[in-house]
Amino acid sequence: MSRPDRGRRRTEAGRGARGTASAARSARADTSATAESPRSVLVVDDDASVRKALQRLFRSAGYPVETFASAADFLAHDVPLRGSCVVIDIRMPGISGLDLQQQLGARCPELPVVVITGHADAETRQRALDGGAVAVLYKPFDEEALLDAVTRAFAARS
């Protein structure tokens, strides 16, 4: 299990309408777990500030969350995939997010994946979607858009 990061970065959305966003997160938390096991979010991103911001976001929405600094770090841990959604950055040193997505798809085809990237490129986006990604979001993305993508990812795999 990785340790929490110390970086600080807030995503762009949700700063002005905290009450509304907070209510939406509370509602999401009520549906984010099954009686059998909680649905968790696994974040793989090489940017420490992004990992920290996403950890806070998902925790505030009621999801258990683990973060990993690289695809190799993620693969080195015996992380339970059942009941999880993986949020993967595309461009990382070593194993890319798309390569990790491909490996995870072979290992656990029903695992929902949301891809995030700071590099908008139609070919890469299409590869992620063809590989089974539920959504591809471009940084900086709206917090609610990411939470909605994760909610859709869980719903699609239920």
Protein backbone atom coordinates (compact mmCIF):
# COMPACT_ATOMS: atom_id res chain seq x y z
CA MET A 1 0.00 0.00 0.00
CA SER A 2 1.48 3.37 -0.91
CA ARG A 3 1.78 6.22 1.54
CA PRO A 4 -0.20 9.40 1.07
CA ASP A 5 1.56 12.04 -0.97
CA ARG A 6 2.51 15.45 0.40
CA GLY A 7 1.94 17.42 -2.85
CA ARG A 8 -0.77 20.09 -3.06
CA ARG A 9 -2.90 20.78 -6.10
CA ARG A 10 -6.57 21.45 -6.34
CA THR A 11 -8.54 20.61 -9.40
CA GLU A 12 -10.27 23.47 -11.13
CA ALA A 13 -13.92 22.72 -10.47
CA GLY A 14 -15.98 22.76 -7.34
CA ARG A 15 -14.34 25.80 -5.75
CA GLY A 16 -17.35 28.08 -5.97
CA ALA A 17 -20.24 25.69 -5.44
CA ARG A 18 -18.99 23.65 -2.50
CA GLY A 19 -22.44 23.15 -0.99
CA THR A 20 -23.86 21.66 -4.17
CA ALA A 21 -20.77 19.58 -4.86
CA SER A 22 -20.71 18.39 -1.26
CA ALA A 23 -24.36 17.31 -1.43
CA ALA A 24 -23.71 15.46 -4.69
CA ARG A 25 -20.73 13.69 -3.11
CA SER A 26 -22.80 12.63 -0.11
CA ALA A 27 -25.46 11.21 -2.39
CA ARG A 28 -22.78 9.39 -4.39
CA ALA A 29 -21.28 7.91 -1.21
CA ASP A 30 -24.62 6.32 -0.35
CA THR A 31 -24.50 4.28 -3.57
CA SER A 32 -20.75 3.68 -3.71
CA ALA A 33 -20.71 0.44 -1.74
CA THR A 34 -22.38 -2.91 -1.94
CA ALA A 35 -23.30 -5.06 1.01
CA GLU A 36 -20.48 -7.42 0.05
CA SER A 37 -17.57 -5.03 -0.36
CA PRO A 38 -16.95 -1.31 -0.68
CA ARG A 39 -16.20 0.05 -4.10
CA SER A 40 -12.73 1.53 -4.09
CA VAL A 41 -10.83 3.80 -6.44
CA LEU A 42 -7.23 3.09 -7.39
CA VAL A 43 -5.33 6.10 -8.76
CA VAL A 44 -2.18 5.67 -10.87
CA ASP A 45 -0.46 8.98 -11.73
CA ASP A 46 3.17 10.04 -11.62
CA ASP A 47 2.30 13.57 -10.44
CA ALA A 48 2.24 13.64 -6.62
CA SER A 49 -0.02 16.71 -6.52
CA VAL A 50 -2.59 15.03 -8.77
CA ARG A 51 -2.54 11.89 -6.63
CA LYS A 52 -3.09 13.92 -3.46
CA ALA A 53 -5.92 15.98 -5.01
CA LEU A 54 -7.67 12.86 -6.31
CA GLN A 55 -7.21 11.08 -2.99
CA ARG A 56 -8.97 13.96 -1.25
CA LEU A 57 -11.70 14.13 -3.89
CA PHE A 58 -12.55 10.44 -3.77
CA ARG A 59 -12.42 10.29 0.02
CA SER A 60 -14.78 13.27 0.22
CA ALA A 61 -17.13 11.33 -2.06
CA GLY A 62 -17.05 8.35 0.30
CA TYR A 63 -14.78 6.06 -1.72
CA PRO A 64 -11.85 4.19 -0.21
CA VAL A 65 -8.84 5.19 -2.33
CA GLU A 66 -5.26 4.05 -2.88
CA THR A 67 -2.70 5.93 -4.94
CA PHE A 68 0.33 4.74 -6.88
CA ALA A 69 3.18 6.77 -8.40
CA SER A 70 3.65 4.53 -11.44
CA ALA A 71 2.25 1.56 -13.28
CA ALA A 72 5.18 -0.52 -12.00
CA ASP A 73 4.38 0.54 -8.41
CA PHE A 74 0.75 -0.47 -8.96
CA LEU A 75 1.67 -3.83 -10.47
CA ALA A 76 4.18 -4.53 -7.68
CA HIS A 77 1.39 -4.40 -5.08
CA ASP A 78 -1.12 -7.18 -4.75
CA VAL A 79 -4.08 -4.84 -5.03
CA PRO A 80 -7.53 -6.44 -4.99
CA LEU A 81 -9.18 -5.43 -8.26
CA ARG A 82 -12.66 -6.80 -7.60
CA GLY A 83 -14.97 -3.93 -6.66
CA SER A 84 -12.46 -1.31 -7.79
CA CYS A 85 -12.25 1.33 -10.48
CA VAL A 86 -8.82 2.38 -11.72
CA VAL A 87 -8.08 5.98 -12.68
CA ILE A 88 -4.95 5.97 -14.87
CA ASP A 89 -2.82 8.77 -16.26
CA ILE A 90 -1.67 8.04 -19.80
CA ARG A 91 1.83 9.52 -19.84
CA MET A 92 4.03 8.10 -17.10
CA PRO A 93 7.67 7.04 -17.02
CA GLY A 94 8.25 3.35 -17.66
CA ILE A 95 5.00 1.55 -18.31
CA SER A 96 2.49 3.93 -19.91
CA GLY A 97 -1.10 4.22 -18.77
CA LEU A 98 -2.31 2.62 -21.99
CA ASP A 99 0.03 -0.33 -21.49
CA LEU A 100 -1.20 -0.69 -17.90
CA GLN A 101 -4.80 -0.55 -19.14
CA GLN A 102 -4.03 -3.35 -21.60
CA GLN A 103 -2.43 -5.51 -18.90
CA LEU A 104 -5.34 -4.94 -16.53
CA GLY A 105 -7.85 -5.73 -19.28
CA ALA A 106 -6.16 -9.08 -19.89
CA ARG A 107 -6.03 -9.84 -16.16
CA CYS A 108 -9.49 -8.57 -15.16
CA PRO A 109 -11.68 -7.70 -18.18
CA GLU A 110 -14.58 -6.45 -16.05
CA LEU A 111 -12.38 -3.90 -14.22
CA PRO A 112 -13.63 -0.37 -14.97
CA VAL A 113 -10.97 2.13 -16.04
CA VAL A 114 -11.12 5.91 -16.32
CA VAL A 115 -8.22 7.49 -18.19
CA ILE A 116 -6.92 11.00 -17.43
CA THR A 117 -4.34 12.93 -19.41
CA GLY A 118 -2.82 16.34 -19.83
CA HIS A 119 -2.14 15.66 -23.51
CA ALA A 120 -5.18 15.87 -25.76
CA ASP A 121 -4.68 13.68 -28.78
CA ALA A 122 -7.51 11.99 -30.67
CA GLU A 123 -5.55 8.82 -31.51
CA THR A 124 -4.55 8.17 -27.89
CA ARG A 125 -8.09 8.91 -26.70
CA GLN A 126 -9.48 6.42 -29.20
CA ARG A 127 -6.94 3.77 -28.14
CA ALA A 128 -8.04 4.20 -24.51
CA LEU A 129 -11.72 3.92 -25.42
CA ASP A 130 -11.06 0.93 -27.70
CA GLY A 131 -9.20 -0.66 -24.77
CA GLY A 132 -12.35 -0.43 -22.67
CA ALA A 133 -11.96 2.89 -20.83
CA VAL A 134 -15.29 4.16 -19.57
CA ALA A 135 -14.13 7.76 -20.03
CA VAL A 136 -11.12 9.82 -21.06
CA LEU A 137 -10.77 13.16 -19.27
CA TYR A 138 -8.32 15.93 -20.06
CA LYS A 139 -6.45 17.77 -17.30
CA PRO A 140 -7.47 20.05 -15.79
CA PHE A 141 -10.82 18.32 -15.55
CA ASP A 142 -13.94 19.13 -13.61
CA GLU A 143 -14.12 17.25 -10.28
CA GLU A 144 -17.77 16.39 -10.85
CA ALA A 145 -16.99 15.04 -14.34
CA LEU A 146 -14.44 12.67 -12.82
CA LEU A 147 -16.80 11.60 -10.03
CA ASP A 148 -19.55 11.05 -12.60
CA ALA A 149 -17.19 8.97 -14.77
CA VAL A 150 -16.30 6.77 -11.78
CA THR A 151 -19.98 6.40 -10.86
CA ARG A 152 -20.75 5.41 -14.47
CA ALA A 153 -17.80 3.01 -14.45
CA PHE A 154 -19.14 1.20 -11.38
CA ALA A 155 -22.68 1.15 -12.79
CA ALA A 156 -21.51 -0.24 -16.14
CA ARG A 157 -19.70 -3.10 -14.43
CA SER A 158 -22.45 -3.98 -11.91
